[in-house]
């Protein structure tokens, strides 16, 4: 009878070890929840960036003013008859 209790206690201990350390354990589940939270934050940041880019694309498609502004800022576009002033900070 004593060996039966020993086997049962050993079996319970082995099941507990799997619960705390093995695959699907509390530690692994906690780590997966942490990774999911990090991924959701990154996804939210990327969604905001995509929304900004989509708004910029729509703005570029709708009017020439946005295209002209972009050309002035990034390419240094100057219209005929305009005077270009380059201000240098000391």
PDB file of N, CA and C in Angstrom:
ATOM      1  N   UNK A   1       0.804  -1.186   0.000  1.00  0.00           N
ATOM      2  CA  UNK A   1       0.000   0.000   0.000  1.00  0.00           C
ATOM      3  C   UNK A   1       0.859   1.267   0.000  1.00  0.00           C
ATOM      4  N   UNK A   2       2.000   1.200   0.685  1.00  0.00           N
ATOM      5  CA  UNK A   2       2.881   2.352   0.761  1.00  0.00           C
ATOM      6  C   UNK A   2       3.456   2.688  -0.617  1.00  0.00           C
ATOM      7  N   UNK A   3       3.792   1.693  -1.395  1.00  0.00           N
ATOM      8  CA  UNK A   3       4.347   1.947  -2.736  1.00  0.00           C
ATOM      9  C   UNK A   3       3.296   2.576  -3.650  1.00  0.00           C
ATOM     10  N   UNK A   4       2.007   2.257  -3.463  1.00  0.00           N
ATOM     11  CA  UNK A   4       0.935   2.862  -4.248  1.00  0.00           C
ATOM     12  C   UNK A   4       0.861   4.372  -3.970  1.00  0.00           C
ATOM     13  N   UNK A   5       0.960   4.767  -2.704  1.00  0.00           N
ATOM     14  CA  UNK A   5       0.958   6.183  -2.354  1.00  0.00           C
ATOM     15  C   UNK A   5       2.186   6.889  -2.937  1.00  0.00           C
ATOM     16  N   UNK A   6       3.305   6.207  -2.906  1.00  0.00           N
ATOM     17  CA  UNK A   6       4.534   6.784  -3.464  1.00  0.00           C
ATOM     18  C   UNK A   6       4.377   7.017  -4.966  1.00  0.00           C
ATOM     19  N   UNK A   7       3.805   6.052  -5.653  1.00  0.00           N
ATOM     20  CA  UNK A   7       3.590   6.191  -7.100  1.00  0.00           C
ATOM     21  C   UNK A   7       2.612   7.326  -7.375  1.00  0.00           C
ATOM     22  N   UNK A   8       1.547   7.436  -6.620  1.00  0.00           N
ATOM     23  CA  UNK A   8       0.577   8.503  -6.815  1.00  0.00           C
ATOM     24  C   UNK A   8       1.189   9.880  -6.556  1.00  0.00           C
ATOM     25  N   UNK A   9       1.958  10.011  -5.514  1.00  0.00           N
ATOM     26  CA  UNK A   9       2.621  11.285  -5.216  1.00  0.00           C
ATOM     27  C   UNK A   9       3.613  11.630  -6.319  1.00  0.00           C
ATOM     28  N   UNK A  10       4.357  10.650  -6.787  1.00  0.00           N
ATOM     29  CA  UNK A  10       5.314  10.869  -7.877  1.00  0.00           C
ATOM     30  C   UNK A  10       4.588  11.293  -9.153  1.00  0.00           C
ATOM     31  N   UNK A  11       3.463  10.686  -9.445  1.00  0.00           N
ATOM     32  CA  UNK A  11       2.669  11.038 -10.614  1.00  0.00           C
ATOM     33  C   UNK A  11       2.155  12.477 -10.503  1.00  0.00           C
ATOM     34  N   UNK A  12       1.679  12.863  -9.342  1.00  0.00           N
ATOM     35  CA  UNK A  12       1.192  14.227  -9.134  1.00  0.00           C
ATOM     36  C   UNK A  12       2.334  15.227  -9.291  1.00  0.00           C
ATOM     37  N   UNK A  13       3.493  14.895  -8.761  1.00  0.00           N
ATOM     38  CA  UNK A  13       4.652  15.785  -8.897  1.00  0.00           C
ATOM     39  C   UNK A  13       5.032  15.935 -10.363  1.00  0.00           C
ATOM     40  N   UNK A  14       5.036  14.838 -11.109  1.00  0.00           N
ATOM     41  CA  UNK A  14       5.370  14.913 -12.535  1.00  0.00           C
ATOM     42  C   UNK A  14       4.360  15.759 -13.306  1.00  0.00           C
ATOM     43  N   UNK A  15       3.100  15.648 -12.967  1.00  0.00           N
ATOM     44  CA  UNK A  15       2.091  16.478 -13.617  1.00  0.00           C
ATOM     45  C   UNK A  15       2.276  17.955 -13.270  1.00  0.00           C
ATOM     46  N   UNK A  16       2.652  18.246 -12.054  1.00  0.00           N
ATOM     47  CA  UNK A  16       2.897  19.620 -11.641  1.00  0.00           C
ATOM     48  C   UNK A  16       4.103  20.209 -12.373  1.00  0.00           C
ATOM     49  N   UNK A  17       5.135  19.386 -12.546  1.00  0.00           N
ATOM     50  CA  UNK A  17       6.330  19.855 -13.258  1.00  0.00           C
ATOM     51  C   UNK A  17       5.956  20.257 -14.673  1.00  0.00           C
ATOM     52  N   UNK A  18       5.141  19.456 -15.329  1.00  0.00           N
ATOM     53  CA  UNK A  18       4.724  19.789 -16.692  1.00  0.00           C
ATOM     54  C   UNK A  18       3.895  21.069 -16.699  1.00  0.00           C
ATOM     55  N   UNK A  19       3.079  21.241 -15.681  1.00  0.00           N
ATOM     56  CA  UNK A  19       2.249  22.439 -15.601  1.00  0.00           C
ATOM     57  C   UNK A  19       3.100  23.695 -15.451  1.00  0.00           C
ATOM     58  N   UNK A  20       4.165  23.656 -14.690  1.00  0.00           N
ATOM     59  CA  UNK A  20       4.985  24.831 -14.427  1.00  0.00           C
ATOM     60  C   UNK A  20       6.132  25.014 -15.406  1.00  0.00           C
ATOM     61  N   UNK A  21       6.639  23.906 -16.012  1.00  0.00           N
ATOM     62  CA  UNK A  21       7.843  24.016 -16.814  1.00  0.00           C
ATOM     63  C   UNK A  21       7.643  23.590 -18.262  1.00  0.00           C
ATOM     64  N   UNK A  22       6.830  22.624 -18.534  1.00  0.00           N
ATOM     65  CA  UNK A  22       6.732  22.023 -19.861  1.00  0.00           C
ATOM     66  C   UNK A  22       6.024  22.879 -20.885  1.00  0.00           C
ATOM     67  N   UNK A  23       5.723  22.248 -22.018  1.00  0.00           N
ATOM     68  CA  UNK A  23       5.030  22.935 -23.095  1.00  0.00           C
ATOM     69  C   UNK A  23       3.607  23.268 -22.649  1.00  0.00           C
ATOM     70  N   UNK A  24       3.196  24.503 -22.889  1.00  0.00           N
ATOM     71  CA  UNK A  24       1.886  24.951 -22.440  1.00  0.00           C
ATOM     72  C   UNK A  24       1.850  25.320 -20.973  1.00  0.00           C
ATOM     73  N   UNK A  25       3.007  25.530 -20.386  1.00  0.00           N
ATOM     74  CA  UNK A  25       3.080  25.850 -18.960  1.00  0.00           C
ATOM     75  C   UNK A  25       2.663  27.298 -18.713  1.00  0.00           C
ATOM     76  N   UNK A  26       2.533  27.623 -17.431  1.00  0.00           N
ATOM     77  CA  UNK A  26       2.174  28.993 -17.065  1.00  0.00           C
ATOM     78  C   UNK A  26       3.217  29.984 -17.571  1.00  0.00           C
ATOM     79  N   UNK A  27       4.480  29.625 -17.488  1.00  0.00           N
ATOM     80  CA  UNK A  27       5.545  30.529 -17.932  1.00  0.00           C
ATOM     81  C   UNK A  27       5.447  30.778 -19.437  1.00  0.00           C
ATOM     82  N   UNK A  28       5.186  29.750 -20.197  1.00  0.00           N
ATOM     83  CA  UNK A  28       5.089  29.900 -21.648  1.00  0.00           C
ATOM     84  C   UNK A  28       3.850  30.718 -22.029  1.00  0.00           C
ATOM     85  N   UNK A  29       2.746  30.476 -21.351  1.00  0.00           N
ATOM     86  CA  UNK A  29       1.523  31.237 -21.621  1.00  0.00           C
ATOM     87  C   UNK A  29       1.739  32.707 -21.289  1.00  0.00           C
ATOM     88  N   UNK A  30       2.404  33.002 -20.171  1.00  0.00           N
ATOM     89  CA  UNK A  30       2.690  34.387 -19.799  1.00  0.00           C
ATOM     90  C   UNK A  30       3.564  35.053 -20.854  1.00  0.00           C
ATOM     91  N   UNK A  31       4.584  34.319 -21.332  1.00  0.00           N
ATOM     92  CA  UNK A  31       5.481  34.859 -22.353  1.00  0.00           C
ATOM     93  C   UNK A  31       4.715  35.130 -23.652  1.00  0.00           C
ATOM     94  N   UNK A  32       3.816  34.240 -24.029  1.00  0.00           N
ATOM     95  CA  UNK A  32       3.026  34.454 -25.246  1.00  0.00           C
ATOM     96  C   UNK A  32       2.108  35.660 -25.105  1.00  0.00           C
ATOM     97  N   UNK A  33       1.521  35.845 -23.933  1.00  0.00           N
ATOM     98  CA  UNK A  33       0.691  37.038 -23.710  1.00  0.00           C
ATOM     99  C   UNK A  33       1.525  38.307 -23.835  1.00  0.00           C
ATOM    100  N   UNK A  34       2.730  38.275 -23.323  1.00  0.00           N
ATOM    101  CA  UNK A  34       3.633  39.425 -23.420  1.00  0.00           C
ATOM    102  C   UNK A  34       3.984  39.700 -24.891  1.00  0.00           C
ATOM    103  N   UNK A  35       4.283  38.670 -25.659  1.00  0.00           N
ATOM    104  CA  UNK A  35       4.611  38.838 -27.069  1.00  0.00           C
ATOM    105  C   UNK A  35       3.411  39.361 -27.851  1.00  0.00           C
ATOM    106  N   UNK A  36       2.223  38.892 -27.510  1.00  0.00           N
ATOM    107  CA  UNK A  36       1.009  39.368 -28.185  1.00  0.00           C
ATOM    108  C   UNK A  36       0.807  40.853 -27.916  1.00  0.00           C
ATOM    109  N   UNK A  37       1.019  41.281 -26.679  1.00  0.00           N
ATOM    110  CA  UNK A  37       0.868  42.697 -26.336  1.00  0.00           C
ATOM    111  C   UNK A  37       1.868  43.554 -27.114  1.00  0.00           C
ATOM    112  N   UNK A  38       3.114  43.105 -27.197  1.00  0.00           N
ATOM    113  CA  UNK A  38       4.124  43.843 -27.957  1.00  0.00           C
ATOM    114  C   UNK A  38       3.753  43.916 -29.430  1.00  0.00           C
ATOM    115  N   UNK A  39       3.268  42.821 -29.988  1.00  0.00           N
ATOM    116  CA  UNK A  39       2.893  42.793 -31.395  1.00  0.00           C
ATOM    117  C   UNK A  39       1.703  43.706 -31.665  1.00  0.00           C
ATOM    118  N   UNK A  40       0.763  43.786 -30.729  1.00  0.00           N
ATOM    119  CA  UNK A  40      -0.385  44.682 -30.903  1.00  0.00           C
ATOM    120  C   UNK A  40       0.056  46.137 -30.897  1.00  0.00           C
ATOM    121  N   UNK A  41       1.015  46.482 -30.045  1.00  0.00           N
ATOM    122  CA  UNK A  41       1.533  47.855 -30.026  1.00  0.00           C
ATOM    123  C   UNK A  41       2.198  48.176 -31.360  1.00  0.00           C
ATOM    124  N   UNK A  42       3.011  47.246 -31.851  1.00  0.00           N
ATOM    125  CA  UNK A  42       3.683  47.457 -33.141  1.00  0.00           C
ATOM    126  C   UNK A  42       2.663  47.556 -34.274  1.00  0.00           C
ATOM    127  N   UNK A  43       1.637  46.714 -34.245  1.00  0.00           N
ATOM    128  CA  UNK A  43       0.598  46.764 -35.277  1.00  0.00           C
ATOM    129  C   UNK A  43      -0.143  48.091 -35.255  1.00  0.00           C
ATOM    130  N   UNK A  44      -0.411  48.620 -34.061  1.00  0.00           N
ATOM    131  CA  UNK A  44      -1.086  49.922 -33.961  1.00  0.00           C
ATOM    132  C   UNK A  44      -0.222  51.032 -34.551  1.00  0.00           C
ATOM    133  N   UNK A  45       1.079  50.993 -34.271  1.00  0.00           N
ATOM    134  CA  UNK A  45       1.988  51.999 -34.829  1.00  0.00           C
ATOM    135  C   UNK A  45       2.024  51.902 -36.354  1.00  0.00           C
ATOM    136  N   UNK A  46       2.076  50.683 -36.867  1.00  0.00           N
ATOM    137  CA  UNK A  46       2.103  50.510 -38.317  1.00  0.00           C
ATOM    138  C   UNK A  46       0.780  50.917 -38.959  1.00  0.00           C
ATOM    139  N   UNK A  47      -0.324  50.693 -38.278  1.00  0.00           N
ATOM    140  CA  UNK A  47      -1.625  51.114 -38.802  1.00  0.00           C
ATOM    141  C   UNK A  47      -1.708  52.633 -38.880  1.00  0.00           C
ATOM    142  N   UNK A  48      -1.197  53.314 -37.865  1.00  0.00           N
ATOM    143  CA  UNK A  48      -1.177  54.782 -37.889  1.00  0.00           C
ATOM    144  C   UNK A  48      -0.295  55.288 -39.023  1.00  0.00           C
ATOM    145  N   UNK A  49       0.851  54.658 -39.203  1.00  0.00           N
ATOM    146  CA  UNK A  49       1.741  55.062 -40.296  1.00  0.00           C
ATOM    147  C   UNK A  49       1.073  54.835 -41.649  1.00  0.00           C
ATOM    148  N   UNK A  50       0.389  53.698 -41.793  1.00  0.00           N
ATOM    149  CA  UNK A  50      -0.304  53.414 -43.049  1.00  0.00           C
ATOM    150  C   UNK A  50      -1.411  54.430 -43.308  1.00  0.00           C
ATOM    151  N   UNK A  51      -2.113  54.835 -42.263  1.00  0.00           N
ATOM    152  CA  UNK A  51      -3.169  55.840 -42.420  1.00  0.00           C
ATOM    153  C   UNK A  51      -2.585  57.172 -42.877  1.00  0.00           C
ATOM    154  N   UNK A  52      -1.435  57.561 -42.286  1.00  0.00           N
ATOM    155  CA  UNK A  52      -0.787  58.811 -42.713  1.00  0.00           C
ATOM    156  C   UNK A  52      -0.349  58.722 -44.177  1.00  0.00           C
ATOM    157  N   UNK A  53       0.230  57.594 -44.558  1.00  0.00           N
ATOM    158  CA  UNK A  53       0.674  57.431 -45.939  1.00  0.00           C
ATOM    159  C   UNK A  53      -0.508  57.423 -46.902  1.00  0.00           C
ATOM    160  N   UNK A  54      -1.602  56.789 -46.520  1.00  0.00           N
ATOM    161  CA  UNK A  54      -2.790  56.773 -47.364  1.00  0.00           C
ATOM    162  C   UNK A  54      -3.354  58.175 -47.534  1.00  0.00           C
ATOM    163  N   UNK A  55      -3.358  58.957 -46.460  1.00  0.00           N
ATOM    164  CA  UNK A  55      -3.830  60.340 -46.549  1.00  0.00           C
ATOM    165  C   UNK A  55      -2.927  61.151 -47.472  1.00  0.00           C
ATOM    166  N   UNK A  56      -1.629  60.911 -47.398  1.00  0.00           N
ATOM    167  CA  UNK A  56      -0.698  61.627 -48.271  1.00  0.00           C
ATOM    168  C   UNK A  56      -0.900  61.228 -49.727  1.00  0.00           C
ATOM    169  N   UNK A  57      -1.120  59.953 -49.986  1.00  0.00           N
ATOM    170  CA  UNK A  57      -1.367  59.491 -51.352  1.00  0.00           C
ATOM    171  C   UNK A  57      -2.652  60.105 -51.894  1.00  0.00           C
ATOM    172  N   UNK A  58      -3.708  60.121 -51.082  1.00  0.00           N
ATOM    173  CA  UNK A  58      -4.968  60.744 -51.516  1.00  0.00           C
ATOM    174  C   UNK A  58      -4.775  62.220 -51.802  1.00  0.00           C
ATOM    175  N   UNK A  59      -4.001  62.891 -50.962  1.00  0.00           N
ATOM    176  CA  UNK A  59      -3.734  64.314 -51.160  1.00  0.00           C
ATOM    177  C   UNK A  59      -2.975  64.531 -52.472  1.00  0.00           C
ATOM    178  N   UNK A  60      -2.012  63.661 -52.754  1.00  0.00           N
ATOM    179  CA  UNK A  60      -1.249  63.799 -53.996  1.00  0.00           C
ATOM    180  C   UNK A  60      -2.120  63.508 -55.213  1.00  0.00           C
ATOM    181  N   UNK A  61      -3.063  62.596 -55.097  1.00  0.00           N
ATOM    182  CA  UNK A  61      -3.930  62.254 -56.227  1.00  0.00           C
ATOM    183  C   UNK A  61      -4.944  63.359 -56.513  1.00  0.00           C
ATOM    184  N   UNK A  62      -5.394  64.076 -55.496  1.00  0.00           N
ATOM    185  CA  UNK A  62      -6.493  65.022 -55.659  1.00  0.00           C
ATOM    186  C   UNK A  62      -6.065  66.370 -56.210  1.00  0.00           C
ATOM    187  N   UNK A  63      -4.938  66.867 -55.832  1.00  0.00           N
ATOM    188  CA  UNK A  63      -4.617  68.224 -56.240  1.00  0.00           C
ATOM    189  C   UNK A  63      -3.170  68.405 -56.625  1.00  0.00           C
ATOM    190  N   UNK A  64      -2.952  69.391 -57.477  1.00  0.00           N
ATOM    191  CA  UNK A  64      -1.598  69.698 -57.903  1.00  0.00           C
ATOM    192  C   UNK A  64      -0.846  70.502 -56.850  1.00  0.00           C
ATOM    193  N   UNK A  65      -1.567  71.112 -55.943  1.00  0.00           N
ATOM    194  CA  UNK A  65      -0.928  71.898 -54.890  1.00  0.00           C
ATOM    195  C   UNK A  65      -0.042  71.032 -54.016  1.00  0.00           C
ATOM    196  N   UNK A  66      -0.503  69.829 -53.718  1.00  0.00           N
ATOM    197  CA  UNK A  66       0.298  68.924 -52.890  1.00  0.00           C
ATOM    198  C   UNK A  66       1.531  68.460 -53.644  1.00  0.00           C
ATOM    199  N   UNK A  67       1.368  68.199 -54.930  1.00  0.00           N
ATOM    200  CA  UNK A  67       2.511  67.772 -55.748  1.00  0.00           C
ATOM    201  C   UNK A  67       3.534  68.897 -55.824  1.00  0.00           C
ATOM    202  N   UNK A  68       3.040  70.117 -56.036  1.00  0.00           N
ATOM    203  CA  UNK A  68       3.943  71.266 -56.118  1.00  0.00           C
ATOM    204  C   UNK A  68       4.678  71.480 -54.797  1.00  0.00           C
ATOM    205  N   UNK A  69       3.957  71.371 -53.695  1.00  0.00           N
ATOM    206  CA  UNK A  69       4.580  71.541 -52.388  1.00  0.00           C
ATOM    207  C   UNK A  69       5.671  70.497 -52.166  1.00  0.00           C
ATOM    208  N   UNK A  70       5.378  69.269 -52.527  1.00  0.00           N
ATOM    209  CA  UNK A  70       6.363  68.192 -52.368  1.00  0.00           C
ATOM    210  C   UNK A  70       7.593  68.440 -53.258  1.00  0.00           C
ATOM    211  N   UNK A  71       7.355  68.898 -54.480  1.00  0.00           N
ATOM    212  CA  UNK A  71       8.470  69.185 -55.389  1.00  0.00           C
ATOM    213  C   UNK A  71       9.315  70.342 -54.855  1.00  0.00           C
ATOM    214  N   UNK A  72       8.675  71.335 -54.269  1.00  0.00           N
ATOM    215  CA  UNK A  72       9.428  72.461 -53.711  1.00  0.00           C
ATOM    216  C   UNK A  72      10.287  72.024 -52.526  1.00  0.00           C
ATOM    217  N   UNK A  73       9.701  71.227 -51.640  1.00  0.00           N
ATOM    218  CA  UNK A  73      10.416  70.829 -50.429  1.00  0.00           C
ATOM    219  C   UNK A  73      11.527  69.809 -50.721  1.00  0.00           C
ATOM    220  N   UNK A  74      11.229  68.810 -51.532  1.00  0.00           N
ATOM    221  CA  UNK A  74      12.180  67.715 -51.717  1.00  0.00           C
ATOM    222  C   UNK A  74      13.104  67.899 -52.917  1.00  0.00           C
ATOM    223  N   UNK A  75      12.618  68.559 -53.963  1.00  0.00           N
ATOM    224  CA  UNK A  75      13.406  68.665 -55.185  1.00  0.00           C
ATOM    225  C   UNK A  75      13.917  70.073 -55.452  1.00  0.00           C
ATOM    226  N   UNK A  76      13.514  71.038 -54.651  1.00  0.00           N
ATOM    227  CA  UNK A  76      13.996  72.406 -54.830  1.00  0.00           C
ATOM    228  C   UNK A  76      13.382  73.095 -56.041  1.00  0.00           C
ATOM    229  N   UNK A  77      12.147  72.797 -56.368  1.00  0.00           N
ATOM    230  CA  UNK A  77      11.483  73.387 -57.526  1.00  0.00           C
ATOM    231  C   UNK A  77      11.301  74.887 -57.342  1.00  0.00           C
ATOM    232  N   UNK A  78      11.551  75.625 -58.434  1.00  0.00           N
ATOM    233  CA  UNK A  78      11.349  77.074 -58.453  1.00  0.00           C
ATOM    234  C   UNK A  78      10.582  77.396 -59.730  1.00  0.00           C
ATOM    235  N   UNK A  79       9.530  78.187 -59.612  1.00  0.00           N
ATOM    236  CA  UNK A  79       8.766  78.597 -60.800  1.00  0.00           C
ATOM    237  C   UNK A  79       9.495  79.705 -61.547  1.00  0.00           C
ATOM    238  N   UNK A  80       9.095  79.857 -62.781  1.00  0.00           N
ATOM    239  CA  UNK A  80       9.651  80.968 -63.569  1.00  0.00           C
ATOM    240  C   UNK A  80       9.188  82.282 -62.944  1.00  0.00           C
ATOM    241  N   UNK A  81      10.093  83.200 -62.858  1.00  0.00           N
ATOM    242  CA  UNK A  81       9.772  84.510 -62.308  1.00  0.00           C
ATOM    243  C   UNK A  81       9.951  84.583 -60.793  1.00  0.00           C
ATOM    244  N   UNK A  82      10.199  83.475 -60.137  1.00  0.00           N
ATOM    245  CA  UNK A  82      10.422  83.488 -58.701  1.00  0.00           C
ATOM    246  C   UNK A  82      11.911  83.688 -58.424  1.00  0.00           C
ATOM    247  N   UNK A  83      12.207  84.247 -57.280  1.00  0.00           N
ATOM    248  CA  UNK A  83      13.581  84.450 -56.856  1.00  0.00           C
ATOM    249  C   UNK A  83      13.863  83.492 -55.703  1.00  0.00           C
ATOM    250  N   UNK A  84      14.977  82.791 -55.810  1.00  0.00           N
ATOM    251  CA  UNK A  84      15.342  81.799 -54.786  1.00  0.00           C
ATOM    252  C   UNK A  84      16.286  82.439 -53.783  1.00  0.00           C
ATOM    253  N   UNK A  85      15.924  82.396 -52.522  1.00  0.00           N
ATOM    254  CA  UNK A  85      16.779  82.888 -51.445  1.00  0.00           C
ATOM    255  C   UNK A  85      17.170  81.718 -50.563  1.00  0.00           C
ATOM    256  N   UNK A  86      18.446  81.590 -50.321  1.00  0.00           N
ATOM    257  CA  UNK A  86      18.940  80.508 -49.459  1.00  0.00           C
ATOM    258  C   UNK A  86      19.430  81.163 -48.169  1.00  0.00           C
ATOM    259  N   UNK A  87      18.757  80.898 -47.074  1.00  0.00           N
ATOM    260  CA  UNK A  87      19.103  81.494 -45.791  1.00  0.00           C
ATOM    261  C   UNK A  87      19.939  80.486 -45.024  1.00  0.00           C
ATOM    262  N   UNK A  88      21.151  80.891 -44.658  1.00  0.00           N
ATOM    263  CA  UNK A  88      22.065  80.012 -43.936  1.00  0.00           C
ATOM    264  C   UNK A  88      22.164  80.500 -42.506  1.00  0.00           C
ATOM    265  N   UNK A  89      21.927  79.590 -41.573  1.00  0.00           N
ATOM    266  CA  UNK A  89      22.063  79.934 -40.150  1.00  0.00           C
ATOM    267  C   UNK A  89      23.541  79.939 -39.773  1.00  0.00           C
ATOM    268  N   UNK A  90      23.980  80.967 -39.020  1.00  0.00           N
ATOM    269  CA  UNK A  90      25.411  81.008 -38.651  1.00  0.00           C
ATOM    270  C   UNK A  90      25.775  79.960 -37.630  1.00  0.00           C
TER     271      UNK A  90
END
